[in-house]
């Protein structure tokens, strides 16, 4: 499944300008028995003065009129709901601007703010906060400027011809809000971060089905900060909901999850990086679909960057086929999904985590994709892959534990440094530089590593042999051809304490080619002896079926 590069959440609502106060203004309290629901009627307030100025505070106490509407735009310093009041519904087709404390809800119930069906927005300036109230946006929106905060508000951005949108400008923040973006027809609701605004520790859920998907966009130098994001799958043959990063935006330390489609032919959610955006230190998760729905997709394109992000694929797809050459560097990959490299290189391991990836890495749609392992952690590849451009280990450990196919695709494997371990299968030729090759599932346990195209151990390389004498098992390298430089080293470890019977022979390297082993280890000459634990062995490079390296107990 491929991502259409044109897939973008279209945000249709432009942020509104703030309202200029006019008329008789002043701080006041909504009356117990107002004559109507009109904010702009002076007699509905005590004293009879409409709060409509950047220093005015509108207070709501107990009242028999809990629905409040506007006939013009209004600006205030704050709206305060006193303790003990019931739930109000404040609805506007105009602009309501906050310049002071914003919304202060001291009641124990939810207060509701609704942007009208035609227009209207709630705009927060300076240090104003949205408190802990509930916003519903349809056509209208909620807009944060300067260092304003969504605080602990809940915001529902609804679908529509012009959908509800929440905007964050300047250095504003989503605080600890809950923001829900709803897909629908013709357009889905969304959240947009611009300038240097941040998501704070807020939670964002983009869900629903319709011709218009919902989602969250980060532009300019905005940041996902420590936010939590979920992009659900879309409707049947419609677009999945999404989280996108463009320009120089960053995913920072966010946790971002895209879920697969829940119905047949329903696409999964999308996590998209393009421009020069970075995944930074985020955790990105793409899940599989259910009921034959499509998988979620994490996509990197243009010159976007992976940073030290942790990518978790539970049946989802990581796509970097549209990334600019030479490719992408990530913190780590894990799980059981799919990776599409295209012609690019994927470098993993910068975050130092130990991870297991049991999925498939492929070139798709063009050939030449490659993998590089860096960082001090271990990457275990236990699935069969088909990429063609080769694998390089420059730091840490790459362990191959697949039972079918080749864990490293069809290309060669180079170990200029670091460790190659495992009891799986490698199709391409292996060349060890100053690194170490160690058959077995880890650096101490025995096992058989199969190399279908041979191995070359160059100067400075090390072969690590692992023995478990208590149960008589030993590591073995099965290779179609073996070349050993005269300065390559042989080291051995016995994790047991048993003295084996004399004459017991262990096949250290099974050379499956017809040719003899070329060369010997510098510290293990042909016919020499080596003591490993409680056993002394005699080395032979003509053992086994005549061209294997064997160790025989003396």
Protein backbone atom coordinates (compact mmCIF):
# COMPACT_ATOMS: atom_id res chain seq x y z
CA UNK A 1 0.00 0.00 0.00
CA UNK A 2 1.48 3.34 -1.03
CA UNK A 3 0.84 6.83 0.25
CA UNK A 4 -0.31 9.43 -2.25
CA UNK A 5 2.04 12.38 -1.84
CA UNK A 6 -0.87 14.72 -2.47
CA UNK A 7 -2.61 13.51 0.70
CA UNK A 8 -2.95 16.59 2.88
CA UNK A 9 -5.48 17.81 5.42
CA UNK A 10 -7.01 20.97 3.96
CA UNK A 11 -7.74 23.57 6.62
CA UNK A 12 -10.36 25.92 5.29
CA UNK A 13 -10.95 28.38 8.11
CA UNK A 14 -8.76 31.46 8.38
CA UNK A 15 -8.16 32.82 11.91
CA UNK A 16 -10.43 35.74 12.75
CA UNK A 17 -9.30 39.18 13.75
CA UNK A 18 -10.13 40.23 17.29
CA UNK A 19 -13.11 42.41 18.09
CA UNK A 20 -12.93 46.12 18.79
CA UNK A 21 -15.03 47.02 21.86
CA UNK A 22 -17.82 49.58 21.49
CA UNK A 23 -20.98 50.80 23.27
CA UNK A 24 -21.53 50.88 27.02
CA UNK A 25 -18.91 48.54 28.45
CA UNK A 26 -17.82 47.45 31.91
CA UNK A 27 -17.46 44.41 34.16
CA UNK A 28 -20.81 42.91 35.14
CA UNK A 29 -22.63 39.77 36.31
CA UNK A 30 -25.26 37.95 34.23
CA UNK A 31 -28.60 38.56 35.92
CA UNK A 32 -30.74 36.05 37.78
CA UNK A 33 -33.71 36.76 35.50
CA UNK A 34 -32.48 38.32 32.24
CA UNK A 35 -35.12 39.32 29.69
CA UNK A 36 -33.44 37.34 26.89
CA UNK A 37 -30.39 35.29 26.00
CA UNK A 38 -28.69 38.28 24.35
CA UNK A 39 -25.25 39.15 25.76
CA UNK A 40 -25.48 42.58 24.10
CA UNK A 41 -28.57 43.68 26.03
CA UNK A 42 -27.53 45.92 28.93
CA UNK A 43 -30.54 45.04 31.13
CA UNK A 44 -29.44 41.40 31.16
CA UNK A 45 -26.45 42.41 33.32
CA UNK A 46 -25.89 43.70 36.83
CA UNK A 47 -25.00 46.54 36.80
CA UNK A 48 -26.64 47.33 33.46
CA UNK A 49 -23.43 47.45 31.46
CA UNK A 50 -22.46 45.01 28.71
CA UNK A 51 -18.96 43.54 29.31
CA UNK A 52 -17.22 44.46 26.08
CA UNK A 53 -13.68 45.66 26.56
CA UNK A 54 -10.24 44.11 26.97
CA UNK A 55 -10.27 44.90 30.70
CA UNK A 56 -13.86 43.81 31.40
CA UNK A 57 -14.82 40.65 33.29
CA UNK A 58 -18.13 38.89 32.66
CA UNK A 59 -19.26 36.87 35.67
CA UNK A 60 -21.88 34.13 35.58
CA UNK A 61 -23.72 33.21 38.75
CA UNK A 62 -27.00 31.42 39.30
CA UNK A 63 -29.47 32.42 36.57
CA UNK A 64 -32.74 31.28 35.05
CA UNK A 65 -31.29 31.88 31.58
CA UNK A 66 -28.41 29.46 30.90
CA UNK A 67 -28.22 30.04 27.14
CA UNK A 68 -26.25 33.12 26.05
CA UNK A 69 -25.94 34.42 22.51
CA UNK A 70 -24.26 37.37 20.77
CA UNK A 71 -25.54 39.92 18.28
CA UNK A 72 -22.10 41.52 17.75
CA UNK A 73 -18.51 40.64 18.46
CA UNK A 74 -17.32 40.94 22.06
CA UNK A 75 -13.95 41.36 23.76
CA UNK A 76 -13.32 40.78 27.47
CA UNK A 77 -10.48 40.18 29.86
CA UNK A 78 -12.18 37.12 31.33
CA UNK A 79 -15.35 35.10 31.79
CA UNK A 80 -15.79 33.71 35.30
CA UNK A 81 -18.25 31.00 36.36
CA UNK A 82 -18.84 31.21 40.09
CA UNK A 83 -18.98 28.20 42.41
CA UNK A 84 -22.36 26.50 42.53
CA UNK A 85 -23.67 27.69 39.16
CA UNK A 86 -25.26 25.31 36.68
CA UNK A 87 -24.11 24.53 33.17
CA UNK A 88 -24.23 27.40 30.65
CA UNK A 89 -24.20 27.26 26.86
CA UNK A 90 -22.54 30.28 25.27
CA UNK A 91 -23.02 30.40 21.50
CA UNK A 92 -21.69 32.94 19.02
CA UNK A 93 -21.74 33.64 15.30
CA UNK A 94 -19.30 36.45 15.96
CA UNK A 95 -15.91 36.76 17.60
CA UNK A 96 -15.42 36.47 21.35
CA UNK A 97 -11.92 37.69 22.26
CA UNK A 98 -10.12 37.20 25.58
CA UNK A 99 -7.24 39.52 26.61
CA UNK A 100 -6.83 38.81 30.33
CA UNK A 101 -7.23 35.61 32.33
CA UNK A 102 -9.49 34.03 29.74
CA UNK A 103 -12.04 31.56 31.10
CA UNK A 104 -12.14 30.73 34.80
CA UNK A 105 -14.56 27.93 35.70
CA UNK A 106 -14.98 27.68 39.47
CA UNK A 107 -18.17 25.68 39.17
CA UNK A 108 -18.25 21.91 39.46
CA UNK A 109 -20.00 21.38 36.11
CA UNK A 110 -19.05 21.61 32.45
CA UNK A 111 -19.50 24.97 30.75
CA UNK A 112 -20.14 24.85 27.00
CA UNK A 113 -18.99 27.27 24.30
CA UNK A 114 -20.26 26.84 20.76
CA UNK A 115 -19.04 28.55 17.60
CA UNK A 116 -22.17 29.10 15.52
CA UNK A 117 -23.36 27.33 12.40
CA UNK A 118 -22.53 30.33 10.18
CA UNK A 119 -19.36 31.83 11.63
CA UNK A 120 -17.78 32.86 14.90
CA UNK A 121 -14.65 32.08 16.84
CA UNK A 122 -13.25 32.19 20.37
CA UNK A 123 -9.92 34.02 20.33
CA UNK A 124 -7.40 33.97 23.20
CA UNK A 125 -4.69 36.66 23.36
CA UNK A 126 -1.74 37.46 25.60
CA UNK A 127 -1.69 34.94 28.49
CA UNK A 128 -5.37 34.09 28.35
CA UNK A 129 -6.36 30.46 29.01
CA UNK A 130 -9.36 28.40 27.95
CA UNK A 131 -9.80 26.96 31.45
CA UNK A 132 -11.59 23.64 31.79
CA UNK A 133 -14.66 24.28 29.63
CA UNK A 134 -15.98 22.45 26.54
CA UNK A 135 -15.84 24.02 23.06
CA UNK A 136 -17.78 22.90 19.99
CA UNK A 137 -16.63 24.35 16.67
CA UNK A 138 -18.60 24.09 13.45
CA UNK A 139 -17.74 26.65 10.75
CA UNK A 140 -16.19 28.68 13.55
CA UNK A 141 -13.09 27.88 15.56
CA UNK A 142 -10.95 28.41 18.62
CA UNK A 143 -7.82 30.52 18.09
CA UNK A 144 -4.84 30.98 20.43
CA UNK A 145 -2.31 33.81 20.03
CA UNK A 146 0.78 35.06 21.85
CA UNK A 147 1.38 32.79 24.89
CA UNK A 148 -2.27 31.84 25.39
CA UNK A 149 -3.12 28.29 26.46
CA UNK A 150 -5.91 25.80 25.86
CA UNK A 151 -5.26 24.75 29.47
CA UNK A 152 -7.59 21.88 30.48
CA UNK A 153 -10.33 22.56 27.94
CA UNK A 154 -12.07 19.99 25.77
CA UNK A 155 -12.46 21.05 22.14
CA UNK A 156 -14.62 19.26 19.54
CA UNK A 157 -13.78 20.34 15.98
CA UNK A 158 -16.76 19.23 13.91
CA UNK A 159 -17.07 18.45 10.20
CA UNK A 160 -18.87 20.68 7.70
CA UNK A 161 -18.66 22.65 4.47
CA UNK A 162 -16.30 24.89 6.39
CA UNK A 163 -15.25 22.66 9.30
CA UNK A 164 -14.42 23.59 12.85
CA UNK A 165 -10.71 24.30 13.35
CA UNK A 166 -8.53 25.06 16.36
CA UNK A 167 -5.55 27.32 15.60
CA UNK A 168 -2.39 27.87 17.62
CA UNK A 169 -0.28 30.90 16.65
CA UNK A 170 2.87 32.56 17.97
CA UNK A 171 4.08 30.80 21.17
CA UNK A 172 0.68 29.60 22.34
CA UNK A 173 0.19 26.09 23.70
CA UNK A 174 -2.46 23.40 23.82
CA UNK A 175 -1.65 22.94 27.50
CA UNK A 176 -3.30 19.83 28.90
CA UNK A 177 -6.39 20.04 26.70
CA UNK A 178 -8.36 17.24 25.04
CA UNK A 179 -8.91 18.07 21.36
CA UNK A 180 -11.17 15.91 19.20
CA UNK A 181 -11.12 16.28 15.40
CA UNK A 182 -14.07 14.73 13.60
CA UNK A 183 -13.99 13.58 9.98
CA UNK A 184 -17.05 13.97 7.79
CA UNK A 185 -18.51 15.33 4.58
CA UNK A 186 -17.50 17.38 2.80
CA UNK A 187 -14.62 18.39 5.12
CA UNK A 188 -13.34 17.17 8.47
CA UNK A 189 -12.43 19.22 11.51
CA UNK A 190 -8.81 19.80 12.46
CA UNK A 191 -6.14 21.43 14.58
CA UNK A 192 -3.36 23.62 13.18
CA UNK A 193 -0.12 24.65 14.91
CA UNK A 194 1.92 27.49 13.41
CA UNK A 195 4.89 29.71 14.30
CA UNK A 196 6.51 28.36 17.51
CA UNK A 197 3.33 27.09 19.15
CA UNK A 198 3.39 23.77 21.01
CA UNK A 199 1.05 20.90 21.82
CA UNK A 200 2.08 20.85 25.47
CA UNK A 201 0.85 17.67 27.15
CA UNK A 202 -2.52 17.76 25.39
CA UNK A 203 -4.34 14.75 23.93
CA UNK A 204 -5.53 14.78 20.30
CA UNK A 205 -7.87 12.25 18.70
CA UNK A 206 -8.71 12.45 14.98
CA UNK A 207 -11.50 10.05 14.08
CA UNK A 208 -14.58 9.39 12.04
CA UNK A 209 -15.40 8.68 8.40
CA UNK A 210 -16.35 10.88 5.48
CA UNK A 211 -15.03 12.37 2.27
CA UNK A 212 -13.07 14.86 4.37
CA UNK A 213 -10.53 13.44 6.80
CA UNK A 214 -9.68 15.04 10.13
CA UNK A 215 -6.33 15.62 11.70
CA UNK A 216 -3.60 17.75 13.22
CA UNK A 217 -1.06 19.79 11.26
CA UNK A 218 2.23 21.24 12.49
CA UNK A 219 3.80 23.98 10.36
CA UNK A 220 6.63 26.51 10.61
CA UNK A 221 8.66 25.81 13.79
CA UNK A 222 5.81 24.44 15.87
CA UNK A 223 6.24 21.45 18.17
CA UNK A 224 4.22 18.41 19.21
CA UNK A 225 6.02 18.71 22.54
CA UNK A 226 4.89 15.94 24.95
CA UNK A 227 1.44 15.57 23.39
CA UNK A 228 -0.43 12.33 22.77
CA UNK A 229 -1.96 11.86 19.31
CA UNK A 230 -4.22 9.23 17.76
CA UNK A 231 -5.17 9.15 14.06
CA UNK A 232 -7.89 6.59 13.40
CA UNK A 233 -8.50 4.85 10.10
CA UNK A 234 -10.93 6.36 7.61
CA UNK A 235 -14.17 5.23 6.00
CA UNK A 236 -14.47 2.75 3.15
CA UNK A 237 -12.53 4.06 0.12
CA UNK A 238 -12.03 7.40 1.89
CA UNK A 239 -8.97 9.07 3.39
CA UNK A 240 -7.52 8.06 6.74
CA UNK A 241 -7.23 10.63 9.50
CA UNK A 242 -3.80 12.09 10.03
CA UNK A 243 -1.05 13.92 11.87
CA UNK A 244 1.31 15.89 9.61
CA UNK A 245 4.56 17.81 10.07
CA UNK A 246 5.91 20.24 7.47
CA UNK A 247 8.40 23.12 7.17
CA UNK A 248 10.71 22.85 10.22
CA UNK A 249 8.11 21.51 12.64
CA UNK A 250 9.12 18.87 15.17
CA UNK A 251 7.39 15.88 16.75
CA UNK A 252 9.60 16.51 19.81
CA UNK A 253 8.79 13.98 22.56
CA UNK A 254 5.24 13.22 21.49
CA UNK A 255 3.54 9.81 21.39
CA UNK A 256 1.78 9.51 18.01
CA UNK A 257 -0.32 6.48 17.04
CA UNK A 258 -2.05 5.77 13.72
CA UNK A 259 -4.56 2.93 13.64
CA UNK A 260 -5.49 0.82 10.65
CA UNK A 261 -8.81 0.85 8.85
CA UNK A 262 -11.66 -0.99 10.59
CA UNK A 263 -13.51 -2.15 7.46
CA UNK A 264 -12.73 -3.74 4.10
CA UNK A 265 -11.08 -1.14 1.81
CA UNK A 266 -10.97 1.39 4.63
CA UNK A 267 -7.55 3.11 4.75
CA UNK A 268 -5.48 3.44 7.90
CA UNK A 269 -4.48 6.59 9.70
CA UNK A 270 -1.44 8.56 8.56
CA UNK A 271 1.61 10.09 10.24
CA UNK A 272 3.37 12.28 7.66
CA UNK A 273 6.67 14.19 7.70
CA UNK A 274 7.70 16.36 4.76
CA UNK A 275 9.67 19.50 4.02
CA UNK A 276 12.40 19.68 6.70
CA UNK A 277 10.24 18.50 9.57
CA UNK A 278 11.74 16.12 12.13
CA UNK A 279 10.40 13.22 14.16
CA UNK A 280 12.91 14.21 16.88
CA UNK A 281 12.52 11.98 19.97
CA UNK A 282 8.89 10.99 19.40
CA UNK A 283 7.39 7.51 19.55
CA UNK A 284 5.57 6.74 16.29
CA UNK A 285 3.26 3.72 16.13
CA UNK A 286 1.47 2.33 13.07
CA UNK A 287 -1.04 -0.47 13.61
CA UNK A 288 -2.63 -2.98 11.27
CA UNK A 289 -6.19 -2.77 10.07
CA UNK A 290 -9.06 -5.02 11.15
CA UNK A 291 -11.75 -6.69 9.06
CA UNK A 292 -9.38 -6.43 6.06
CA UNK A 293 -8.93 -2.70 6.53
CA UNK A 294 -5.71 -1.07 5.33
CA UNK A 295 -2.67 -0.58 7.57
CA UNK A 296 -1.67 2.69 9.15
CA UNK A 297 1.24 4.47 7.47
CA UNK A 298 4.21 6.48 8.74
CA UNK A 299 5.64 8.44 5.81
CA UNK A 300 8.84 10.48 5.42
CA UNK A 301 9.39 12.47 2.24
CA UNK A 302 11.40 15.38 0.84
CA UNK A 303 14.21 16.17 3.30
CA UNK A 304 12.38 15.36 6.50
CA UNK A 305 14.39 13.85 9.34
CA UNK A 306 13.85 10.93 11.67
CA UNK A 307 15.97 12.15 14.60
CA UNK A 308 16.09 9.62 17.44
CA UNK A 309 12.44 8.64 17.04
CA UNK A 310 11.23 5.21 18.08
CA UNK A 311 9.13 3.60 15.33
CA UNK A 312 6.80 0.77 16.36
CA UNK A 313 5.07 -1.19 13.60
CA UNK A 314 2.26 -3.51 14.64
CA UNK A 315 1.31 -4.46 11.11
CA UNK A 316 1.66 -0.88 9.89
CA UNK A 317 3.92 0.52 7.16
CA UNK A 318 6.97 2.77 7.38
CA UNK A 319 7.41 4.42 3.97
CA UNK A 320 10.54 6.38 3.08
CA UNK A 321 10.44 5.71 -0.65
CA UNK A 322 9.78 9.42 -1.33
CA UNK A 323 12.54 10.64 0.99
CA UNK A 324 15.39 12.54 -0.63
CA UNK A 325 18.70 10.70 -1.07
CA UNK A 326 20.60 9.29 0.68
CA UNK A 327 17.73 8.35 3.00
CA UNK A 328 16.62 8.54 6.61
CA UNK A 329 18.08 8.03 10.07
CA UNK A 330 15.83 6.93 12.94
CA UNK A 331 16.30 6.09 16.60
CA UNK A 332 14.97 2.53 16.25
CA UNK A 333 12.41 0.25 14.60
CA UNK A 334 10.49 -2.61 16.19
CA UNK A 335 7.39 -4.71 15.74
CA UNK A 336 5.97 -6.80 12.93
CA UNK A 337 5.07 -4.45 10.09
CA UNK A 338 6.54 -3.42 6.77
CA UNK A 339 9.26 -0.99 5.69
CA UNK A 340 9.38 0.40 2.13
CA UNK A 341 12.82 1.84 1.41
CA UNK A 342 12.59 2.62 -2.28
CA UNK A 343 16.21 3.34 -3.34
CA UNK A 344 17.05 4.87 0.06
CA UNK A 345 19.12 3.94 3.07
CA UNK A 346 17.51 3.50 6.48
CA UNK A 347 19.87 4.04 9.42
CA UNK A 348 18.58 2.85 12.81
CA UNK A 349 19.91 2.64 16.35
CA UNK A 350 20.66 6.23 17.33
CA UNK A 351 18.55 6.02 20.50
CA UNK A 352 20.51 2.99 21.80
CA UNK A 353 17.41 0.84 22.43
CA UNK A 354 17.40 -2.95 22.13
CA UNK A 355 14.60 -3.80 19.68
CA UNK A 356 13.17 -6.73 17.72
CA UNK A 357 11.76 -6.31 14.21
CA UNK A 358 9.99 -9.38 12.83
CA UNK A 359 8.49 -7.71 9.78
CA UNK A 360 9.62 -7.28 6.18
CA UNK A 361 11.99 -4.66 4.76
CA UNK A 362 11.65 -4.18 1.00
CA UNK A 363 12.81 -1.82 -1.76
CA UNK A 364 9.34 -1.09 -3.16
CA UNK A 365 8.74 0.70 -5.49
CA UNK A 366 12.32 0.91 -6.83
CA UNK A 367 15.46 -1.10 -6.05
CA UNK A 368 18.62 -0.31 -4.14
CA UNK A 369 17.33 0.19 -0.60
CA UNK A 370 19.82 -0.48 2.20
CA UNK A 371 20.01 -0.74 6.00
CA UNK A 372 22.62 0.64 8.43
CA UNK A 373 22.82 -0.29 12.12
CA UNK A 374 24.41 2.27 14.45
CA UNK A 375 24.16 3.04 18.16
CA UNK A 376 25.07 0.87 21.14
CA UNK A 377 21.84 -1.13 21.33
CA UNK A 378 20.96 -4.41 19.62
CA UNK A 379 18.62 -4.80 16.65
CA UNK A 380 17.17 -8.28 16.11
CA UNK A 381 15.80 -9.05 12.64
CA UNK A 382 13.62 -12.15 12.75
CA UNK A 383 11.65 -11.77 9.53
CA UNK A 384 12.46 -12.40 5.87
CA UNK A 385 13.31 -9.27 3.88
CA UNK A 386 13.87 -8.57 0.18
CA UNK A 387 15.73 -5.24 -0.06
CA UNK A 388 18.72 -5.33 -2.39
CA UNK A 389 21.17 -2.58 -1.39
CA UNK A 390 22.98 -4.31 1.46
CA UNK A 391 23.41 -3.95 5.22
CA UNK A 392 26.13 -2.21 7.23
CA UNK A 393 26.82 -2.55 10.97
CA UNK A 394 28.91 0.35 12.30
CA UNK A 395 28.05 0.11 16.00
CA UNK A 396 26.17 -2.10 18.45
CA UNK A 397 24.79 -5.52 17.53
CA UNK A 398 22.78 -6.79 14.58
CA UNK A 399 21.29 -10.20 15.33
CA UNK A 400 19.57 -12.21 12.58
CA UNK A 401 17.08 -14.78 13.83
CA UNK A 402 14.89 -15.55 10.80
CA UNK A 403 13.98 -19.14 9.92
CA UNK A 404 13.14 -18.58 6.25
CA UNK A 405 14.40 -16.21 3.56
CA UNK A 406 17.11 -13.71 4.42
CA UNK A 407 16.93 -11.26 7.31
CA UNK A 408 19.10 -8.80 5.41
CA UNK A 409 17.58 -9.07 1.94
CA UNK A 410 19.66 -10.13 -1.04
CA UNK A 411 22.54 -7.67 -0.69
CA UNK A 412 25.85 -8.07 1.07
CA UNK A 413 26.48 -7.45 4.76
CA UNK A 414 29.45 -5.34 5.89
CA UNK A 415 30.67 -5.19 9.50
CA UNK A 416 33.26 -2.38 9.62
CA UNK A 417 32.65 -2.25 13.40
CA UNK A 418 30.13 -3.57 15.88
CA UNK A 419 28.81 -7.13 16.08
CA UNK A 420 26.96 -9.54 13.82
CA UNK A 421 25.22 -12.32 15.71
CA UNK A 422 22.27 -14.64 15.31
CA UNK A 423 21.03 -18.09 14.41
CA UNK A 424 19.24 -17.03 11.24
CA UNK A 425 20.01 -16.84 7.53
CA UNK A 426 21.84 -14.23 5.43
CA UNK A 427 21.71 -14.47 1.62
CA UNK A 428 24.43 -11.95 0.70
CA UNK A 429 28.18 -12.17 1.19
CA UNK A 430 29.41 -11.09 4.62
CA UNK A 431 32.58 -9.03 5.11
CA UNK A 432 33.86 -8.40 8.65
CA UNK A 433 36.21 -5.43 9.11
CA UNK A 434 37.21 -4.51 12.66
CA UNK A 435 33.92 -5.88 13.94
CA UNK A 436 32.95 -9.23 15.45
CA UNK A 437 30.93 -12.13 14.09
CA UNK A 438 29.37 -14.36 16.72
CA UNK A 439 27.03 -17.22 15.75
CA UNK A 440 24.20 -17.60 18.22
CA UNK A 441 21.11 -15.65 19.27
CA UNK A 442 23.25 -13.29 21.37
CA UNK A 443 26.88 -12.73 22.28
CA UNK A 444 27.04 -15.63 24.78
CA UNK A 445 24.51 -18.28 23.70
CA UNK A 446 25.42 -20.96 21.10
CA UNK A 447 23.57 -21.30 17.82
CA UNK A 448 24.11 -21.75 14.06
CA UNK A 449 24.37 -18.74 11.75
CA UNK A 450 23.90 -19.57 8.06
CA UNK A 451 25.67 -17.49 5.38
CA UNK A 452 24.58 -18.50 1.89
CA UNK A 453 27.23 -16.49 -0.01
CA UNK A 454 30.31 -16.85 2.14
CA UNK A 455 32.24 -14.78 4.67
CA UNK A 456 35.49 -12.79 4.63
CA UNK A 457 37.18 -12.00 7.95
CA UNK A 458 39.56 -9.13 7.25
CA UNK A 459 42.47 -7.76 9.26
CA UNK A 460 41.30 -6.59 12.67
CA UNK A 461 38.17 -8.75 12.67
CA UNK A 462 37.16 -11.15 15.42
CA UNK A 463 35.34 -14.47 15.39
CA UNK A 464 33.64 -15.20 18.73
CA UNK A 465 32.94 -18.86 19.50
CA UNK A 466 30.39 -19.66 22.22
CA UNK A 467 30.27 -23.03 23.99
CA UNK A 468 27.86 -24.37 26.60
CA UNK A 469 29.74 -27.40 27.94
CA UNK A 470 27.06 -28.30 30.49
CA UNK A 471 24.67 -29.39 27.71
CA UNK A 472 27.27 -29.99 25.01
CA UNK A 473 26.06 -27.32 22.59
CA UNK A 474 28.34 -25.02 20.62
CA UNK A 475 28.05 -22.14 18.18
CA UNK A 476 28.59 -22.87 14.53
CA UNK A 477 28.96 -20.80 11.39
CA UNK A 478 27.62 -22.44 8.23
CA UNK A 479 29.06 -20.58 5.27
CA UNK A 480 29.42 -21.16 1.56
CA UNK A 481 33.06 -20.18 1.43
CA UNK A 482 35.42 -18.84 4.13
CA UNK A 483 38.33 -16.40 3.80
CA UNK A 484 40.35 -15.58 6.94
CA UNK A 485 42.99 -12.85 7.01
CA UNK A 486 46.10 -13.90 8.92
CA UNK A 487 45.61 -11.16 11.52
CA UNK A 488 41.99 -12.01 12.29
CA UNK A 489 41.41 -13.13 15.90
CA UNK A 490 39.58 -16.11 17.39
CA UNK A 491 38.08 -15.71 20.88
CA UNK A 492 36.05 -18.29 22.80
CA UNK A 493 33.73 -18.45 25.79
CA UNK A 494 32.27 -21.38 27.75
CA UNK A 495 29.13 -20.49 29.69
CA UNK A 496 29.26 -23.93 31.37
CA UNK A 497 31.73 -25.73 33.67
CA UNK A 498 31.76 -29.30 32.36
CA UNK A 499 34.87 -31.20 31.23
CA UNK A 500 33.89 -32.91 27.97
CA UNK A 501 35.00 -36.39 27.05
CA UNK A 502 38.21 -36.64 25.04
CA UNK A 503 37.54 -37.03 21.34
CA UNK A 504 34.40 -34.91 21.30
CA UNK A 505 34.60 -32.81 18.13
CA UNK A 506 32.81 -29.51 17.61
CA UNK A 507 32.27 -27.96 14.17
CA UNK A 508 33.12 -24.27 14.62
CA UNK A 509 32.87 -23.29 10.93
CA UNK A 510 31.03 -25.55 8.51
CA UNK A 511 32.33 -24.64 5.07
CA UNK A 512 29.57 -25.69 2.67
CA UNK A 513 31.56 -24.81 -0.46
CA UNK A 514 33.86 -27.31 -2.14
CA UNK A 515 36.91 -25.09 -1.64
CA UNK A 516 39.03 -25.28 1.51
CA UNK A 517 39.03 -22.54 4.12
CA UNK A 518 41.42 -19.82 2.97
CA UNK A 519 43.72 -18.69 5.78
CA UNK A 520 43.82 -19.27 9.55
CA UNK A 521 43.22 -17.14 12.64
CA UNK A 522 46.36 -15.45 13.98
CA UNK A 523 45.97 -17.01 17.43
CA UNK A 524 44.58 -20.40 16.31
CA UNK A 525 46.98 -22.13 13.91
CA UNK A 526 46.07 -25.34 12.13
CA UNK A 527 47.01 -28.13 14.53
CA UNK A 528 47.32 -25.75 17.46
CA UNK A 529 45.53 -26.05 20.79
CA UNK A 530 43.24 -23.69 22.69
CA UNK A 531 41.84 -23.93 26.22
CA UNK A 532 38.21 -22.90 26.65
CA UNK A 533 36.90 -23.15 30.19
CA UNK A 534 37.71 -26.64 31.55
CA UNK A 535 38.54 -28.09 28.13
CA UNK A 536 41.55 -28.06 25.84
CA UNK A 537 40.89 -28.47 22.13
CA UNK A 538 42.94 -29.30 19.04
CA UNK A 539 42.16 -27.11 16.03
CA UNK A 540 41.85 -28.46 12.49
CA UNK A 541 40.97 -26.50 9.33
CA UNK A 542 40.47 -29.80 7.48
CA UNK A 543 37.96 -31.30 9.89
CA UNK A 544 34.37 -32.39 9.41
CA UNK A 545 33.89 -33.39 5.79
CA UNK A 546 37.40 -32.22 4.95
CA UNK A 547 37.22 -28.43 4.79
CA UNK A 548 35.62 -27.37 8.09
CA UNK A 549 37.16 -25.77 11.17
CA UNK A 550 36.76 -28.18 14.07
CA UNK A 551 37.84 -28.26 17.72
CA UNK A 552 38.44 -31.69 19.25
CA UNK A 553 38.70 -32.28 23.00
CA UNK A 554 42.14 -33.56 24.07
